Amino acid sequence: MGIKSLVAKIWANKIHNQTHRTSSNAVEVQQKLMHYLVKSAKNTEFGTDCKFSEIKNYLDFKNNVPLADYEDLKLYIDKVVDGKANILWPNKPTYLAKTSGTTSGVKYIPISKESMPYHIAGARNALLSYVYHSRNASFIDGKLIFLSGSPILTVKKGIYTGRLSGIVNHHVPAYLRSNQMPSYDTNCIEDWEDKLDKIVAETYTENMTLISGIPPWIQMYFDRLSEKTGKNISQLFPNFKVMVQGGVNFEPYKSKLLKSIGTEIDIVETYPASEGFIAYQDNYKENGLLLILDGGIFYEFIKLEDYNKGIKTRIDISQAELDVNYVLIMNTNAGMWGYIIGDTIKFTSLSPHKIVVTGRIKHFISAFGEHVIAEEVEFALNKACKELNLNVVEFTVAPQINPKQGLPHHEWFVEFDSRSVNISELETLVDQNLQEKNIYYKDLRAGNILNQLKIKQVINNGFIQYMKGLGKLGGQNKLPRLSNNRIIAEELTPYTKEVNG
């Protein structure tokens, strides 16, 4: 056992005990954090505008801090980007994390000197929690790869700016830096396919023990490795024992990834965001992500059902309920106040507080009032594919309101691996599963308002070609599972087997 792995086991015990104490005092921890955030920012422009000095309790907080999406905060954020200090949080942020927006174009999320350490601590604690429960720390002595964006940062008004994964790359702890792959020069390559080829060339002969990234991009890495060597991943990397993944729901990618690896391995899920590190799978043997309660984020929640009706009743952690879809709201130590991040979550445990991500607020289909969400389509497809022994590469769903023939229906675009697919049988199973999960969809089907869903099979590598055509291949770019319009569906149609014969 190397010195690094020995130290990791000792540290893992400490972190486990610390997180256990925090989880046992969730309400108190969050209340103290709320007061700390308010006190720290009361003299900022936002704090003055919202009368932070008058906030004494959570009711005051809700009354004074308005709910906000990026557009609502943009007036303040634009001042931050322009280099002004003490706007949303004391002083200037250390970084601006650059993300893609839908209505706002490029978005800039501030990362302060206070919030940056929590981004690193979240990832570190996820690994140490894995060490605690598995007693496996040997991976720390091998080579570790973090598939991420370029670490090259630009400077805007004295503030370093770049993708979150690139920013975090500058803060990889020194004890891991010597093990980290790919090389810095390779990581700086902007073109994802060129970068992937260089990563493969640098790593295929190495002792890779941990691989981390977004599932579809890990899959691309695995595919390139197999193309180059003719081997599966476990043959190439016999000491590869743990994969860290996050950013999208893992289930649709799981079967194909495990097939590429060739053996079962341990998998740890994380939930990072530019606004803060939210949660991680503290026990790799159990579902659910431990909500980080002392990580600089004060959380609020709105029931999704209420939110969709225009009811914006906010609650804190003390009122959270199991198995309810909530809109997640963040108040951070970088100045994102009342911020609707856009994700929906469910609590799977309240002691400790564990969550699963169920979808996105804007990613749904409700052309006829069915309000189908990501959790439901993923359930429907995964259950059918398990029954038919199929592996999904990628998929997305859109409404077809004006078909050339028949009733309106949901149109699914699905790419499979090389197996032949009985589309008709799959359509029936997926439709039945979706009716099982969503009562509104079931009623619309029973009332002959919607026809059975239809599946268009996407050609091999069709989604890669589509994303490449948009200039969004690689990095942190993710394909929406659901759209309530036909934009993505129309753009994907040329990549289907119906068109290509």
Protein backbone atom coordinates (compact mmCIF):
# COMPACT_ATOMS: atom_id res chain seq x y z
CA MET A 1 0.00 0.00 0.00
CA GLY A 2 1.39 3.42 -1.00
CA ILE A 3 1.68 6.33 1.39
CA LYS A 4 -1.09 8.22 -0.44
CA SER A 5 -3.59 5.40 -0.08
CA LEU A 6 -2.65 4.93 3.58
CA VAL A 7 -3.24 8.61 4.34
CA ALA A 8 -6.49 8.52 2.35
CA LYS A 9 -7.91 5.79 4.61
CA ILE A 10 -7.14 7.81 7.72
CA TRP A 11 -8.63 10.96 6.19
CA ALA A 12 -11.69 9.03 5.00
CA ASN A 13 -12.60 8.15 8.59
CA LYS A 14 -12.34 11.80 9.58
CA ILE A 15 -14.56 13.00 6.72
CA HIS A 16 -17.14 10.29 7.42
CA ASN A 17 -17.44 11.35 11.05
CA GLN A 18 -17.64 15.01 10.07
CA THR A 19 -20.42 14.48 7.50
CA HIS A 20 -22.32 12.29 9.96
CA ARG A 21 -22.31 15.09 12.54
CA THR A 22 -23.47 17.60 9.95
CA SER A 23 -26.26 15.33 8.70
CA SER A 24 -27.48 14.79 12.26
CA ASN A 25 -27.95 18.55 12.71
CA ALA A 26 -29.23 19.46 9.25
CA VAL A 27 -31.74 22.14 10.20
CA GLU A 28 -29.39 23.91 12.60
CA VAL A 29 -26.51 23.78 10.11
CA GLN A 30 -28.64 25.29 7.35
CA GLN A 31 -30.09 28.00 9.60
CA LYS A 32 -26.62 29.07 10.75
CA LEU A 33 -25.48 29.14 7.15
CA MET A 34 -28.43 31.35 6.15
CA HIS A 35 -27.53 33.88 8.85
CA TYR A 36 -23.86 33.78 7.86
CA LEU A 37 -24.68 34.45 4.19
CA VAL A 38 -27.02 37.35 5.05
CA LYS A 39 -24.55 38.91 7.49
CA SER A 40 -21.67 38.59 5.02
CA ALA A 41 -23.54 40.23 2.15
CA LYS A 42 -25.63 42.85 3.97
CA ASN A 43 -23.45 45.73 2.75
CA THR A 44 -23.34 44.62 -0.89
CA GLU A 45 -25.52 46.32 -3.47
CA PHE A 46 -27.90 43.35 -3.52
CA GLY A 47 -27.94 43.16 0.29
CA THR A 48 -28.78 46.84 0.53
CA ASP A 49 -31.50 46.61 -2.12
CA CYS A 50 -33.09 43.62 -0.35
CA LYS A 51 -32.67 45.06 3.16
CA PHE A 52 -30.55 42.22 4.49
CA SER A 53 -30.03 44.18 7.71
CA GLU A 54 -33.72 43.56 8.55
CA ILE A 55 -33.56 39.77 8.09
CA LYS A 56 -33.85 37.99 11.45
CA ASN A 57 -35.33 34.61 10.48
CA TYR A 58 -36.30 32.46 7.50
CA LEU A 59 -39.68 34.18 7.07
CA ASP A 60 -37.87 37.51 6.75
CA PHE A 61 -35.46 35.90 4.30
CA LYS A 62 -38.29 34.71 2.03
CA ASN A 63 -39.96 38.12 2.18
CA ASN A 64 -36.77 40.03 1.36
CA VAL A 65 -34.95 37.76 -1.10
CA PRO A 66 -36.89 37.34 -4.34
CA LEU A 67 -36.86 34.17 -6.40
CA ALA A 68 -34.62 34.62 -9.42
CA ASP A 69 -33.47 32.95 -12.58
CA TYR A 70 -30.39 34.17 -14.44
CA GLU A 71 -32.31 36.88 -16.26
CA ASP A 72 -33.59 38.25 -12.96
CA LEU A 73 -30.05 38.51 -11.57
CA LYS A 74 -28.46 39.64 -14.82
CA LEU A 75 -28.58 43.34 -13.90
CA TYR A 76 -26.32 42.57 -10.93
CA ILE A 77 -24.20 39.94 -12.71
CA ASP A 78 -23.47 42.34 -15.58
CA LYS A 79 -21.96 44.73 -13.03
CA VAL A 80 -19.85 41.90 -11.61
CA VAL A 81 -18.65 40.97 -15.11
CA ASP A 82 -17.82 44.64 -15.68
CA GLY A 83 -15.38 44.41 -12.77
CA LYS A 84 -17.41 46.16 -10.07
CA ALA A 85 -16.96 44.98 -6.48
CA ASN A 86 -19.45 44.35 -3.65
CA ILE A 87 -22.41 43.70 -5.92
CA LEU A 88 -23.76 40.24 -5.01
CA TRP A 89 -21.03 39.21 -2.57
CA PRO A 90 -18.20 41.15 -0.87
CA ASN A 91 -15.32 42.16 -3.15
CA LYS A 92 -14.93 40.73 -6.66
CA PRO A 93 -15.31 37.03 -7.45
CA THR A 94 -12.14 35.03 -7.97
CA TYR A 95 -13.56 33.41 -11.12
CA LEU A 96 -16.46 33.61 -13.51
CA ALA A 97 -17.68 30.20 -14.61
CA LYS A 98 -18.84 30.39 -18.21
CA THR A 99 -21.89 28.28 -19.06
CA SER A 100 -24.32 28.00 -21.95
CA GLY A 101 -27.74 29.57 -21.47
CA THR A 102 -30.93 29.13 -23.46
CA THR A 103 -32.48 32.59 -23.27
CA SER A 104 -29.42 34.44 -22.01
CA GLY A 105 -26.76 33.14 -24.40
CA VAL A 106 -23.51 32.79 -22.46
CA LYS A 107 -24.00 32.94 -18.70
CA TYR A 108 -21.37 33.95 -16.16
CA ILE A 109 -21.65 32.45 -12.68
CA PRO A 110 -19.45 34.05 -10.00
CA ILE A 111 -17.14 31.87 -7.91
CA SER A 112 -15.78 33.64 -4.84
CA LYS A 113 -12.69 32.95 -2.75
CA GLU A 114 -15.12 31.59 -0.13
CA SER A 115 -16.98 29.26 -2.50
CA MET A 116 -14.04 27.84 -4.47
CA PRO A 117 -12.79 25.54 -1.67
CA TYR A 118 -16.20 23.88 -1.46
CA HIS A 119 -16.09 22.92 -5.14
CA ILE A 120 -12.88 21.03 -4.39
CA ALA A 121 -14.05 19.65 -1.05
CA GLY A 122 -17.19 18.16 -2.63
CA ALA A 123 -15.20 16.13 -5.16
CA ARG A 124 -12.61 15.18 -2.53
CA ASN A 125 -15.22 14.03 -0.01
CA ALA A 126 -16.98 11.93 -2.65
CA LEU A 127 -13.76 9.98 -3.16
CA LEU A 128 -12.99 9.76 0.56
CA SER A 129 -16.51 8.50 1.28
CA TYR A 130 -15.93 5.83 -1.33
CA VAL A 131 -12.68 4.90 0.39
CA TYR A 132 -14.45 4.71 3.75
CA HIS A 133 -17.16 2.32 2.57
CA SER A 134 -15.10 0.23 0.14
CA ARG A 135 -11.80 0.26 2.09
CA ASN A 136 -10.22 0.55 -1.36
CA ALA A 137 -7.71 3.38 -1.59
CA SER A 138 -5.27 1.72 -4.01
CA PHE A 139 -6.66 3.70 -6.95
CA ILE A 140 -4.99 6.82 -5.54
CA ASP A 141 -1.57 5.30 -6.29
CA GLY A 142 -2.41 4.76 -9.97
CA LYS A 143 -3.21 7.11 -12.84
CA LEU A 144 -6.40 9.21 -12.61
CA ILE A 145 -8.16 10.82 -15.54
CA PHE A 146 -10.64 13.68 -15.32
CA LEU A 147 -12.34 14.27 -18.68
CA SER A 148 -12.91 18.01 -18.56
CA GLY A 149 -12.94 21.27 -20.46
CA SER A 150 -9.85 23.31 -21.25
CA PRO A 151 -8.04 24.81 -18.25
CA ILE A 152 -7.09 27.87 -20.33
CA LEU A 153 -8.74 30.89 -18.71
CA THR A 154 -9.35 34.35 -20.11
CA VAL A 155 -9.42 37.53 -18.05
CA LYS A 156 -12.45 39.83 -17.94
CA LYS A 157 -11.94 43.05 -15.98
CA GLY A 158 -9.35 41.34 -13.81
CA ILE A 159 -11.43 38.18 -13.20
CA TYR A 160 -10.32 34.79 -14.52
CA THR A 161 -13.04 33.27 -16.70
CA GLY A 162 -13.59 29.77 -18.10
CA ARG A 163 -15.57 26.55 -17.89
CA LEU A 164 -16.08 25.21 -14.38
CA SER A 165 -14.19 21.98 -15.12
CA GLY A 166 -11.28 24.02 -16.47
CA ILE A 167 -11.27 26.26 -13.40
CA VAL A 168 -11.37 23.27 -11.05
CA ASN A 169 -8.44 21.75 -12.95
CA HIS A 170 -6.24 24.51 -11.50
CA HIS A 171 -7.15 23.39 -7.99
CA VAL A 172 -6.45 19.66 -8.21
CA PRO A 173 -4.61 18.91 -4.95
CA ALA A 174 -0.84 18.61 -5.24
CA TYR A 175 -0.91 15.01 -3.96
CA LEU A 176 -2.99 14.01 -7.02
CA ARG A 177 -1.30 16.24 -9.59
CA SER A 178 1.49 13.77 -10.35
CA ASN A 179 -1.09 11.04 -11.01
CA GLN A 180 -3.41 13.20 -13.11
CA MET A 181 -4.00 12.61 -16.79
CA PRO A 182 -4.13 13.79 -19.53
CA SER A 183 -1.18 16.16 -19.77
CA TYR A 184 -1.83 19.88 -19.42
CA ASP A 185 -1.10 20.52 -23.12
CA THR A 186 -3.58 17.85 -24.18
CA ASN A 187 -6.20 19.17 -21.79
CA CYS A 188 -5.88 22.60 -23.43
CA ILE A 189 -6.96 21.30 -26.85
CA GLU A 190 -10.34 22.84 -27.68
CA ASP A 191 -11.51 20.45 -30.42
CA TRP A 192 -13.02 17.50 -28.58
CA GLU A 193 -12.22 14.82 -31.17
CA ASP A 194 -8.58 15.92 -31.51
CA LYS A 195 -8.36 16.07 -27.73
CA LEU A 196 -9.87 12.60 -27.39
CA ASP A 197 -7.33 11.10 -29.79
CA LYS A 198 -4.48 12.66 -27.81
CA ILE A 199 -5.97 11.44 -24.51
CA VAL A 200 -6.18 7.90 -25.89
CA ALA A 201 -2.58 8.06 -27.13
CA GLU A 202 -1.37 9.24 -23.73
CA THR A 203 -3.34 6.81 -21.58
CA TYR A 204 -3.85 3.47 -23.31
CA THR A 205 -0.57 2.02 -21.98
CA GLU A 206 -0.91 3.55 -18.48
CA ASN A 207 -2.09 2.04 -15.20
CA MET A 208 -5.45 3.81 -15.16
CA THR A 209 -7.23 3.25 -11.85
CA LEU A 210 -9.91 5.99 -11.78
CA ILE A 211 -11.82 7.60 -14.64
CA SER A 212 -14.13 10.57 -14.11
CA GLY A 213 -16.42 12.56 -16.39
CA ILE A 214 -19.88 12.89 -17.92
CA PRO A 215 -21.14 9.43 -19.02
CA PRO A 216 -21.53 10.10 -22.77
CA TRP A 217 -18.00 11.48 -22.97
CA ILE A 218 -16.58 8.58 -20.94
CA GLN A 219 -18.30 6.29 -23.45
CA MET A 220 -16.64 8.11 -26.35
CA TYR A 221 -13.28 7.68 -24.63
CA PHE A 222 -13.93 3.97 -24.14
CA ASP A 223 -15.00 3.55 -27.77
CA ARG A 224 -11.81 5.22 -29.04
CA LEU A 225 -9.67 3.05 -26.76
CA SER A 226 -11.34 -0.12 -28.05
CA GLU A 227 -11.02 1.00 -31.68
CA LYS A 228 -7.29 1.57 -31.20
CA THR A 229 -6.47 -1.59 -29.24
CA GLY A 230 -9.20 -4.12 -30.01
CA LYS A 231 -9.57 -4.70 -26.26
CA ASN A 232 -12.25 -3.91 -23.73
CA ILE A 233 -11.45 -1.49 -20.91
CA SER A 234 -10.87 -4.09 -18.19
CA GLN A 235 -8.31 -5.80 -20.43
CA LEU A 236 -6.54 -2.50 -21.07
CA PHE A 237 -6.76 -1.26 -17.48
CA PRO A 238 -6.93 -4.30 -15.16
CA ASN A 239 -6.57 -2.04 -12.09
CA PHE A 240 -9.43 0.29 -13.12
CA LYS A 241 -11.77 -0.16 -10.16
CA VAL A 242 -13.81 3.04 -9.73
CA MET A 243 -15.59 5.43 -12.08
CA VAL A 244 -16.82 8.84 -10.95
CA GLN A 245 -19.63 10.26 -13.05
CA GLY A 246 -22.18 13.07 -12.94
CA GLY A 247 -23.93 15.73 -14.98
CA VAL A 248 -26.66 13.49 -16.41
CA ASN A 249 -28.72 10.52 -15.24
CA PHE A 250 -26.42 7.50 -15.40
CA GLU A 251 -29.03 4.78 -16.00
CA PRO A 252 -29.50 5.27 -19.77
CA TYR A 253 -25.74 4.91 -20.28
CA LYS A 254 -25.00 2.24 -17.67
CA SER A 255 -25.48 -0.98 -19.66
CA LYS A 256 -23.35 0.13 -22.61
CA LEU A 257 -20.60 1.53 -20.38
CA LEU A 258 -20.40 -1.70 -18.37
CA LYS A 259 -20.37 -3.68 -21.61
CA SER A 260 -17.44 -1.57 -22.83
CA ILE A 261 -15.60 -2.11 -19.55
CA GLY A 262 -16.24 -5.86 -19.59
CA THR A 263 -16.69 -6.29 -15.85
CA GLU A 264 -18.52 -4.77 -12.89
CA ILE A 265 -16.76 -1.83 -11.24
CA ASP A 266 -17.61 0.59 -8.45
CA ILE A 267 -19.43 3.73 -9.57
CA VAL A 268 -19.66 6.99 -7.63
CA GLU A 269 -22.12 9.71 -8.69
CA THR A 270 -21.57 13.41 -8.05
CA TYR A 271 -23.74 16.50 -8.51
CA PRO A 272 -21.52 19.51 -9.19
CA ALA A 273 -22.73 22.79 -10.70
CA SER A 274 -21.14 26.13 -11.50
CA GLU A 275 -23.18 27.60 -8.63
CA GLY A 276 -21.74 25.12 -6.12
CA PHE A 277 -21.08 21.45 -5.38
CA ILE A 278 -24.52 20.21 -4.35
CA ALA A 279 -24.36 16.51 -3.51
CA TYR A 280 -22.48 13.26 -3.94
CA GLN A 281 -23.05 9.54 -3.46
CA ASP A 282 -21.60 9.07 -0.01
CA ASN A 283 -22.09 5.30 -0.12
CA TYR A 284 -21.48 3.73 -3.53
CA LYS A 285 -23.59 0.71 -2.53
CA GLU A 286 -26.72 2.81 -1.98
CA ASN A 287 -28.80 5.00 -4.28
CA GLY A 288 -29.21 8.66 -3.47
CA LEU A 289 -26.82 11.58 -3.18
CA LEU A 290 -25.94 13.15 0.16
CA LEU A 291 -26.96 16.81 0.10
CA ILE A 292 -24.00 18.94 1.19
CA LEU A 293 -25.47 21.06 3.97
CA ASP A 294 -22.33 22.89 5.10
CA GLY A 295 -20.90 23.70 1.68
CA GLY A 296 -21.72 27.38 1.41
CA ILE A 297 -25.22 26.83 -0.04
CA PHE A 298 -28.50 27.57 1.76
CA TYR A 299 -31.18 25.49 0.03
CA GLU A 300 -34.83 26.18 -0.57
CA PHE A 301 -37.46 24.12 -2.36
CA ILE A 302 -40.77 24.58 -4.19
CA LYS A 303 -43.04 21.67 -5.03
CA LEU A 304 -42.83 21.18 -8.80
CA GLU A 305 -46.59 20.64 -9.00
CA ASP A 306 -47.14 24.04 -7.36
CA TYR A 307 -44.41 25.72 -9.42
CA ASN A 308 -46.09 24.63 -12.66
CA LYS A 309 -49.33 26.24 -11.42
CA GLY A 310 -47.56 29.52 -10.66
CA ILE A 311 -47.56 28.88 -6.89
CA LYS A 312 -44.10 29.77 -5.58
CA THR A 313 -44.33 28.73 -1.91
CA ARG A 314 -40.76 28.21 -0.66
CA ILE A 315 -39.67 25.90 2.14
CA ASP A 316 -36.33 25.15 3.77
CA ILE A 317 -34.79 21.80 4.71
CA SER A 318 -36.92 21.53 7.87
CA GLN A 319 -40.11 21.05 5.81
CA ALA A 320 -38.77 18.73 3.11
CA GLU A 321 -40.81 15.59 2.39
CA LEU A 322 -39.91 12.26 0.85
CA ASP A 323 -40.73 11.40 -2.78
CA VAL A 324 -41.95 14.87 -3.76
CA ASN A 325 -40.57 16.54 -6.87
CA TYR A 326 -39.06 19.88 -5.83
CA VAL A 327 -37.65 22.80 -7.76
CA LEU A 328 -34.19 23.40 -6.28
CA ILE A 329 -33.30 26.94 -5.14
CA MET A 330 -29.81 28.00 -4.08
CA ASN A 331 -28.40 30.89 -2.05
CA THR A 332 -24.62 30.75 -2.23
CA ASN A 333 -21.48 32.22 -0.73
CA ALA A 334 -20.69 33.62 -4.16
CA GLY A 335 -23.86 35.72 -4.33
CA MET A 336 -26.44 33.70 -6.24
CA TRP A 337 -29.57 34.63 -4.27
CA GLY A 338 -32.94 32.87 -4.48
CA TYR A 339 -31.49 31.25 -7.57
CA ILE A 340 -33.61 28.71 -9.45
CA ILE A 341 -30.86 26.51 -10.85
CA GLY A 342 -33.32 24.75 -13.16
CA ASP A 343 -33.04 21.22 -11.73
CA THR A 344 -35.76 19.23 -10.01
CA ILE A 345 -34.95 16.82 -7.19
CA LYS A 346 -36.59 14.30 -4.85
CA PHE A 347 -35.58 13.37 -1.33
CA THR A 348 -35.02 9.64 -0.96
CA SER A 349 -34.02 9.99 2.71
CA LEU A 350 -34.45 12.67 5.36
CA SER A 351 -31.97 11.22 7.85
CA PRO A 352 -29.49 11.88 6.36
CA HIS A 353 -30.85 14.13 3.60
CA LYS A 354 -30.30 12.31 0.31
CA ILE A 355 -31.64 13.27 -3.10
CA VAL A 356 -31.94 12.14 -6.69
CA VAL A 357 -32.08 14.54 -9.63
CA THR A 358 -35.35 13.99 -11.51
CA GLY A 359 -35.04 16.43 -14.40
CA ARG A 360 -35.02 20.03 -15.52
CA ILE A 361 -37.78 22.62 -15.11
CA LYS A 362 -37.69 23.58 -18.78
CA HIS A 363 -37.12 20.06 -20.10
CA PHE A 364 -40.57 18.50 -20.23
CA ILE A 365 -43.37 17.67 -22.65
CA SER A 366 -46.81 19.05 -21.95
CA ALA A 367 -48.29 19.65 -25.38
CA PHE A 368 -51.64 18.34 -24.10
CA GLY A 369 -51.28 18.77 -20.33
CA GLU A 370 -49.42 15.50 -19.72
CA HIS A 371 -46.35 17.21 -18.23
CA VAL A 372 -43.99 14.30 -18.76
CA ILE A 373 -40.62 14.81 -17.06
CA ALA A 374 -37.14 13.30 -17.55
CA GLU A 375 -37.46 10.85 -14.66
CA GLU A 376 -40.50 9.29 -16.34
CA VAL A 377 -39.11 8.91 -19.87
CA GLU A 378 -35.86 7.47 -18.49
CA PHE A 379 -37.84 4.94 -16.43
CA ALA A 380 -39.99 3.98 -19.41
CA LEU A 381 -37.08 3.40 -21.79
CA ASN A 382 -34.74 1.74 -19.29
CA LYS A 383 -37.39 -0.77 -18.18
CA ALA A 384 -38.23 -1.72 -21.78
CA CYS A 385 -34.58 -2.04 -22.81
CA LYS A 386 -33.81 -4.31 -19.87
CA GLU A 387 -36.69 -6.56 -20.90
CA LEU A 388 -35.50 -6.66 -24.53
CA ASN A 389 -31.78 -6.75 -23.66
CA LEU A 390 -31.01 -3.54 -25.56
CA ASN A 391 -28.30 -0.96 -24.92
CA VAL A 392 -29.10 2.72 -25.47
CA VAL A 393 -26.36 5.11 -26.58
CA GLU A 394 -28.40 8.32 -26.36
CA PHE A 395 -31.98 9.56 -26.74
CA THR A 396 -34.28 12.57 -26.66
CA VAL A 397 -38.05 13.06 -26.91
CA ALA A 398 -40.28 15.73 -28.49
CA PRO A 399 -44.03 16.13 -29.18
CA GLN A 400 -45.42 15.55 -32.68
CA ILE A 401 -48.51 17.75 -32.65
CA ASN A 402 -49.29 17.75 -36.38
CA PRO A 403 -48.40 14.33 -37.83
CA LYS A 404 -49.06 13.62 -41.50
CA GLN A 405 -51.38 10.80 -40.44
CA GLY A 406 -53.21 9.85 -37.26
CA LEU A 407 -53.30 11.41 -33.84
CA PRO A 408 -50.60 13.51 -32.20
CA HIS A 409 -47.97 11.53 -30.30
CA HIS A 410 -44.60 11.70 -28.60
CA GLU A 411 -41.67 11.14 -30.95
CA TRP A 412 -38.56 9.48 -29.54
CA PHE A 413 -35.14 9.67 -31.16
CA VAL A 414 -33.03 6.76 -29.89
CA GLU A 415 -29.56 5.49 -30.81
CA PHE A 416 -28.74 1.89 -29.88
CA ASP A 417 -25.53 -0.09 -30.03
CA SER A 418 -25.03 -2.55 -32.88
CA ARG A 419 -27.90 -4.92 -32.03
CA SER A 420 -30.96 -5.15 -34.27
CA VAL A 421 -34.06 -3.63 -32.73
CA ASN A 422 -37.73 -4.56 -33.06
CA ILE A 423 -38.99 -0.97 -33.02
CA SER A 424 -42.69 -1.90 -32.94
CA GLU A 425 -42.25 -4.11 -29.87
CA LEU A 426 -40.12 -1.48 -28.16
CA GLU A 427 -42.68 1.28 -28.87
CA THR A 428 -45.44 -0.76 -27.22
CA LEU A 429 -43.38 -1.50 -24.11
CA VAL A 430 -42.11 2.05 -23.66
CA ASP A 431 -45.62 3.44 -24.10
CA GLN A 432 -47.00 1.05 -21.48
CA ASN A 433 -44.21 1.97 -19.08
CA LEU A 434 -44.81 5.68 -19.55
CA GLN A 435 -48.52 5.22 -18.85
CA GLU A 436 -47.55 3.37 -15.67
CA LYS A 437 -45.42 6.32 -14.55
CA ASN A 438 -47.57 9.29 -15.65
CA ILE A 439 -51.34 9.20 -15.02
CA TYR A 440 -52.00 12.24 -17.22
CA TYR A 441 -50.33 10.56 -20.18
CA LYS A 442 -52.34 7.42 -19.47
CA ASP A 443 -55.60 9.40 -19.50
CA LEU A 444 -54.70 11.09 -22.79
CA ARG A 445 -53.92 7.71 -24.36
CA ALA A 446 -57.14 6.19 -23.03
CA GLY A 447 -59.13 9.14 -24.34
CA ASN A 448 -57.63 8.82 -27.85
CA ILE A 449 -56.16 12.30 -27.62
CA LEU A 450 -52.64 10.96 -28.01
CA ASN A 451 -51.55 8.03 -30.13
CA GLN A 452 -48.96 5.50 -29.05
CA LEU A 453 -45.48 7.01 -29.05
CA LYS A 454 -43.23 6.45 -32.06
CA ILE A 455 -39.50 5.75 -32.04
CA LYS A 456 -37.11 6.93 -34.74
CA GLN A 457 -33.86 5.01 -34.69
CA VAL A 458 -30.83 7.28 -34.93
CA ILE A 459 -27.88 6.01 -37.00
CA ASN A 460 -24.65 4.91 -35.34
CA ASN A 461 -22.83 7.97 -33.97
CA GLY A 462 -25.77 10.10 -35.09
CA PHE A 463 -25.93 12.05 -31.84
CA ILE A 464 -22.18 12.68 -31.97
CA GLN A 465 -22.54 14.02 -35.51
CA TYR A 466 -25.47 16.17 -34.42
CA MET A 467 -23.63 17.66 -31.43
CA LYS A 468 -20.52 18.19 -33.54
CA GLY A 469 -22.60 20.08 -36.10
CA LEU A 470 -23.76 22.41 -33.32
CA GLY A 471 -20.19 22.91 -32.12
CA LYS A 472 -21.14 21.31 -28.78
CA LEU A 473 -19.17 18.08 -28.86
CA GLY A 474 -17.33 17.31 -25.62
CA GLY A 475 -16.68 19.35 -22.52
CA GLN A 476 -19.72 19.79 -20.30
CA ASN A 477 -22.31 19.93 -23.10
CA LYS A 478 -25.37 17.75 -22.53
CA LEU A 479 -28.31 16.85 -24.75
CA PRO A 480 -31.75 17.69 -23.29
CA ARG A 481 -33.81 14.56 -22.66
CA LEU A 482 -37.07 16.39 -23.39
CA SER A 483 -38.22 19.35 -25.44
CA ASN A 484 -41.66 20.90 -25.57
CA ASN A 485 -41.04 21.99 -29.16
CA ARG A 486 -39.76 20.47 -32.41
CA ILE A 487 -36.43 22.28 -32.77
CA ILE A 488 -34.14 19.40 -31.74
CA ALA A 489 -36.43 16.83 -33.38
CA GLU A 490 -36.22 18.56 -36.77
CA GLU A 491 -32.45 18.96 -36.49
CA LEU A 492 -32.05 15.25 -35.60
CA THR A 493 -34.27 13.90 -38.39
CA PRO A 494 -31.41 13.79 -40.98
CA TYR A 495 -29.55 11.44 -38.63
CA THR A 496 -32.30 8.79 -38.48
CA LYS A 497 -32.44 5.48 -40.33
CA GLU A 498 -35.68 6.50 -42.07
CA VAL A 499 -33.77 9.24 -43.88
CA ASN A 500 -30.55 7.30 -44.41
CA GLY A 501 -32.23 4.08 -45.57
